[in-house]
Amino acid sequence: MCFSAKTSLITFLLGTAFSILLIQYGNPTYKSDNYVFGIMLLFISAIQLMDFTFWMDLKNMMGLNKLATIIGPLLNVGQPTILYIIKLLYFTPNVLSADNFNRPVMVLNVLYALYLLAMYFRFITTEKQLTTSTSHGHLAWPWLKYANSYFYLVLFAVNIFYLTNFNYSMCMFIITYFLLYLSYKWFPYNMGELWCFFGAFIPAIMLAASYMI
């Protein structure tokens, strides 16, 4: 994450392993929930691989920094959309029906997708360098200043609860948003990066929590 290349790589490997363990060995009562959130947490762990790329090419000598910076906003700010797509593919709901709030959730996600595309276009056409550098000794993702954190936080919460078991989703919500709060309190200038660092450990916590719900 924002500390070093070694930390990013280790966190990526741990997050990936924990996510697979959640999918395979989480409480069988919540098999669907383990699978859906395990896949989502794999995407969050992948952020650490992206950060590893930044650290390995801070001066963009190989062009990897710029490539990762171009992909970064979609993987990071697009997390609510990724979670929604995973749930659509797994549960295959009728998004136009009123059951399970399918229609309003679909509308919110379409609006967010449009916002994401507009934000992404503004980022790649406005940002001069399109590379990621450091600030306060940590990585500073340049796209965050173009993003709306409130829309992200609201829709991510909605999508966490959408279609999955309420108690499991509530546990996931509490853990996720508590870690987001800690990220804000400890590193307000690098909140996004610290959150994705914490996010790599959520599957390990959920693996244990799935047997306590």
Protein backbone atom coordinates (compact mmCIF):
# COMPACT_ATOMS: atom_id res chain seq x y z
CA MET A 1 0.00 0.00 0.00
CA CYS A 2 1.29 3.47 0.79
CA PHE A 3 4.25 2.30 2.94
CA SER A 4 6.60 0.43 0.56
CA ALA A 5 6.80 -2.04 -2.32
CA LYS A 6 7.47 -4.90 0.10
CA THR A 7 4.44 -4.05 2.24
CA SER A 8 2.23 -3.77 -0.83
CA LEU A 9 3.33 -7.14 -2.21
CA ILE A 10 2.96 -8.96 1.12
CA THR A 11 -0.46 -7.39 1.70
CA PHE A 12 -1.59 -8.38 -1.79
CA LEU A 13 -0.56 -12.00 -1.22
CA LEU A 14 -2.19 -12.10 2.23
CA GLY A 15 -5.40 -10.48 0.99
CA THR A 16 -5.61 -12.89 -1.93
CA ALA A 17 -5.00 -15.91 0.32
CA PHE A 18 -7.53 -14.72 2.92
CA SER A 19 -10.16 -14.13 0.22
CA ILE A 20 -9.72 -17.63 -1.19
CA LEU A 21 -9.92 -19.07 2.33
CA LEU A 22 -13.15 -17.16 2.94
CA ILE A 23 -14.65 -18.57 -0.25
CA GLN A 24 -13.53 -22.13 0.50
CA TYR A 25 -13.79 -22.38 4.28
CA GLY A 26 -16.25 -19.72 5.44
CA ASN A 27 -19.32 -20.93 7.32
CA PRO A 28 -21.22 -23.17 4.81
CA THR A 29 -24.47 -21.59 6.00
CA TYR A 30 -23.37 -18.46 4.16
CA LYS A 31 -21.86 -20.14 1.10
CA SER A 32 -23.27 -17.58 -1.35
CA ASP A 33 -22.25 -14.64 0.82
CA ASN A 34 -18.73 -16.03 1.29
CA TYR A 35 -18.36 -16.41 -2.46
CA VAL A 36 -19.73 -13.00 -3.46
CA PHE A 37 -17.78 -11.01 -0.90
CA GLY A 38 -14.70 -13.19 -1.31
CA ILE A 39 -14.57 -12.31 -5.02
CA MET A 40 -15.08 -8.63 -4.20
CA LEU A 41 -12.28 -8.73 -1.65
CA LEU A 42 -9.97 -10.23 -4.28
CA PHE A 43 -10.50 -7.05 -6.29
CA ILE A 44 -9.71 -4.95 -3.22
CA SER A 45 -6.55 -6.97 -2.63
CA ALA A 46 -5.55 -6.30 -6.24
CA ILE A 47 -5.19 -2.64 -5.28
CA GLN A 48 -2.08 -3.69 -3.37
CA LEU A 49 -0.60 -5.14 -6.55
CA MET A 50 -1.32 -1.83 -8.22
CA ASP A 51 0.48 -0.01 -5.40
CA PHE A 52 3.40 -2.41 -5.72
CA THR A 53 3.63 -1.36 -9.39
CA PHE A 54 3.72 2.30 -8.38
CA TRP A 55 6.54 1.74 -5.91
CA MET A 56 8.56 -0.27 -8.44
CA ASP A 57 8.27 2.46 -11.08
CA LEU A 58 7.85 5.73 -9.17
CA LYS A 59 9.62 7.72 -11.88
CA ASN A 60 7.67 5.97 -14.66
CA MET A 61 10.87 4.82 -16.33
CA MET A 62 9.15 1.63 -17.57
CA GLY A 63 5.75 3.19 -18.19
CA LEU A 64 4.13 0.91 -15.59
CA ASN A 65 3.31 3.78 -13.27
CA LYS A 66 1.32 5.57 -15.95
CA LEU A 67 -0.49 2.37 -16.99
CA ALA A 68 -1.47 1.59 -13.41
CA THR A 69 -2.55 5.19 -12.85
CA ILE A 70 -4.85 4.99 -15.86
CA ILE A 71 -6.40 1.73 -14.65
CA GLY A 72 -6.43 2.73 -10.96
CA PRO A 73 -9.60 4.85 -10.82
CA LEU A 74 -11.70 2.07 -12.34
CA LEU A 75 -10.41 -0.48 -9.83
CA ASN A 76 -10.63 1.89 -6.87
CA VAL A 77 -13.52 4.31 -7.35
CA GLY A 78 -15.34 1.60 -9.29
CA GLN A 79 -15.55 -0.74 -6.27
CA PRO A 80 -19.31 -0.21 -5.68
CA THR A 81 -19.94 -1.01 -9.35
CA ILE A 82 -17.71 -4.10 -9.21
CA LEU A 83 -19.62 -5.41 -6.17
CA TYR A 84 -22.94 -4.79 -7.91
CA ILE A 85 -21.83 -6.62 -11.07
CA ILE A 86 -20.57 -9.58 -9.02
CA LYS A 87 -23.94 -9.86 -7.29
CA LEU A 88 -25.82 -9.55 -10.59
CA LEU A 89 -23.77 -12.32 -12.16
CA TYR A 90 -24.11 -14.62 -9.15
CA PHE A 91 -27.75 -14.08 -8.16
CA THR A 92 -29.10 -13.11 -11.64
CA PRO A 93 -32.02 -10.99 -10.33
CA ASN A 94 -34.60 -9.32 -12.53
CA VAL A 95 -33.25 -5.78 -12.16
CA LEU A 96 -36.50 -4.26 -13.44
CA SER A 97 -38.65 -5.91 -10.79
CA ALA A 98 -39.62 -4.29 -7.50
CA ASP A 99 -38.54 -7.37 -5.50
CA ASN A 100 -35.56 -6.92 -3.17
CA PHE A 101 -35.34 -3.27 -4.23
CA ASN A 102 -33.96 -4.44 -7.58
CA ARG A 103 -35.16 -1.45 -9.59
CA PRO A 104 -34.04 1.42 -7.28
CA VAL A 105 -30.69 -0.27 -6.68
CA MET A 106 -30.25 -0.65 -10.44
CA VAL A 107 -31.05 3.03 -10.97
CA LEU A 108 -28.53 4.08 -8.32
CA ASN A 109 -25.85 1.91 -9.88
CA VAL A 110 -26.53 3.20 -13.38
CA LEU A 111 -26.22 6.76 -12.07
CA TYR A 112 -22.98 5.86 -10.33
CA ALA A 113 -21.62 4.22 -13.47
CA LEU A 114 -22.35 7.41 -15.42
CA TYR A 115 -20.69 9.47 -12.70
CA LEU A 116 -17.69 7.10 -12.74
CA LEU A 117 -17.27 7.46 -16.49
CA ALA A 118 -17.56 11.27 -16.27
CA MET A 119 -15.05 11.39 -13.39
CA TYR A 120 -12.68 9.08 -15.23
CA PHE A 121 -12.87 11.15 -18.44
CA ARG A 122 -12.20 14.35 -16.49
CA PHE A 123 -9.24 12.73 -14.75
CA ILE A 124 -7.49 11.41 -17.86
CA THR A 125 -8.10 14.62 -19.84
CA THR A 126 -7.24 17.09 -17.05
CA GLU A 127 -4.38 15.48 -15.16
CA LYS A 128 -1.11 16.50 -16.79
CA GLN A 129 1.26 13.73 -15.71
CA LEU A 130 -1.07 10.74 -15.31
CA THR A 131 1.41 9.19 -12.90
CA THR A 132 1.28 8.45 -9.17
CA SER A 133 3.83 10.01 -6.83
CA THR A 134 4.30 10.21 -3.06
CA SER A 135 3.03 12.64 -0.42
CA HIS A 136 3.97 12.62 3.28
CA GLY A 137 6.11 9.57 2.52
CA HIS A 138 3.17 7.58 1.15
CA LEU A 139 1.62 7.02 -2.26
CA ALA A 140 -0.91 9.68 -3.26
CA TRP A 141 -3.45 8.54 -5.86
CA PRO A 142 -4.02 11.53 -8.16
CA TRP A 143 -7.56 10.54 -9.19
CA LEU A 144 -9.06 10.93 -5.72
CA LYS A 145 -9.33 14.68 -6.05
CA TYR A 146 -11.76 14.13 -8.93
CA ALA A 147 -13.93 11.63 -7.03
CA ASN A 148 -17.00 12.12 -4.85
CA SER A 149 -16.43 10.09 -1.67
CA TYR A 150 -20.02 10.56 -0.43
CA PHE A 151 -21.58 8.89 -3.48
CA TYR A 152 -19.03 6.08 -3.16
CA LEU A 153 -19.74 5.51 0.53
CA VAL A 154 -23.53 5.54 0.13
CA LEU A 155 -23.66 3.20 -2.86
CA PHE A 156 -21.04 0.84 -1.47
CA ALA A 157 -23.21 0.47 1.65
CA VAL A 158 -26.33 -0.14 -0.45
CA ASN A 159 -24.56 -2.78 -2.54
CA ILE A 160 -23.16 -4.53 0.52
CA PHE A 161 -26.71 -5.24 1.73
CA TYR A 162 -28.19 -5.92 -1.70
CA LEU A 163 -29.31 -9.58 -2.19
CA THR A 164 -27.07 -11.11 0.49
CA ASN A 165 -27.95 -12.32 3.99
CA PHE A 166 -28.77 -9.34 6.23
CA ASN A 167 -26.74 -10.43 9.27
CA TYR A 168 -23.73 -11.34 7.12
CA SER A 169 -24.02 -8.05 5.23
CA MET A 170 -24.34 -6.09 8.47
CA CYS A 171 -21.15 -7.70 9.76
CA MET A 172 -19.39 -6.86 6.50
CA PHE A 173 -20.71 -3.30 6.66
CA ILE A 174 -19.59 -2.71 10.25
CA ILE A 175 -16.08 -4.06 9.65
CA THR A 176 -15.66 -2.21 6.35
CA TYR A 177 -16.91 1.16 7.54
CA PHE A 178 -15.07 0.93 10.85
CA LEU A 179 -11.83 0.45 8.91
CA LEU A 180 -12.79 3.33 6.64
CA TYR A 181 -13.29 5.48 9.74
CA LEU A 182 -9.89 4.48 11.09
CA SER A 183 -8.34 5.32 7.72
CA TYR A 184 -9.88 8.78 7.85
CA LYS A 185 -8.83 9.42 11.44
CA TRP A 186 -5.25 8.20 11.08
CA PHE A 187 -4.37 9.24 7.51
CA PRO A 188 -6.87 11.81 6.19
CA TYR A 189 -4.38 12.79 3.47
CA ASN A 190 -3.96 9.15 2.34
CA MET A 191 -7.32 7.71 3.37
CA GLY A 192 -8.03 5.76 0.19
CA GLU A 193 -4.68 4.02 0.18
CA LEU A 194 -4.87 3.07 3.88
CA TRP A 195 -8.44 1.77 3.44
CA CYS A 196 -7.33 -0.60 0.68
CA PHE A 197 -4.46 -1.74 2.91
CA PHE A 198 -6.95 -2.54 5.69
CA GLY A 199 -9.31 -4.07 3.11
CA ALA A 200 -6.85 -6.89 2.47
CA PHE A 201 -7.48 -8.16 6.01
CA ILE A 202 -11.29 -8.02 5.88
CA PRO A 203 -11.62 -11.57 4.47
CA ALA A 204 -9.65 -12.98 7.43
CA ILE A 205 -11.96 -11.18 9.84
CA MET A 206 -15.05 -12.30 7.92
CA LEU A 207 -13.81 -15.90 7.84
CA ALA A 208 -13.88 -15.96 11.65
CA ALA A 209 -17.01 -13.82 11.92
CA SER A 210 -19.01 -16.10 9.59
CA TYR A 211 -19.02 -18.73 12.35
CA MET A 212 -20.19 -16.25 14.98
CA ILE A 213 -23.15 -14.67 13.20
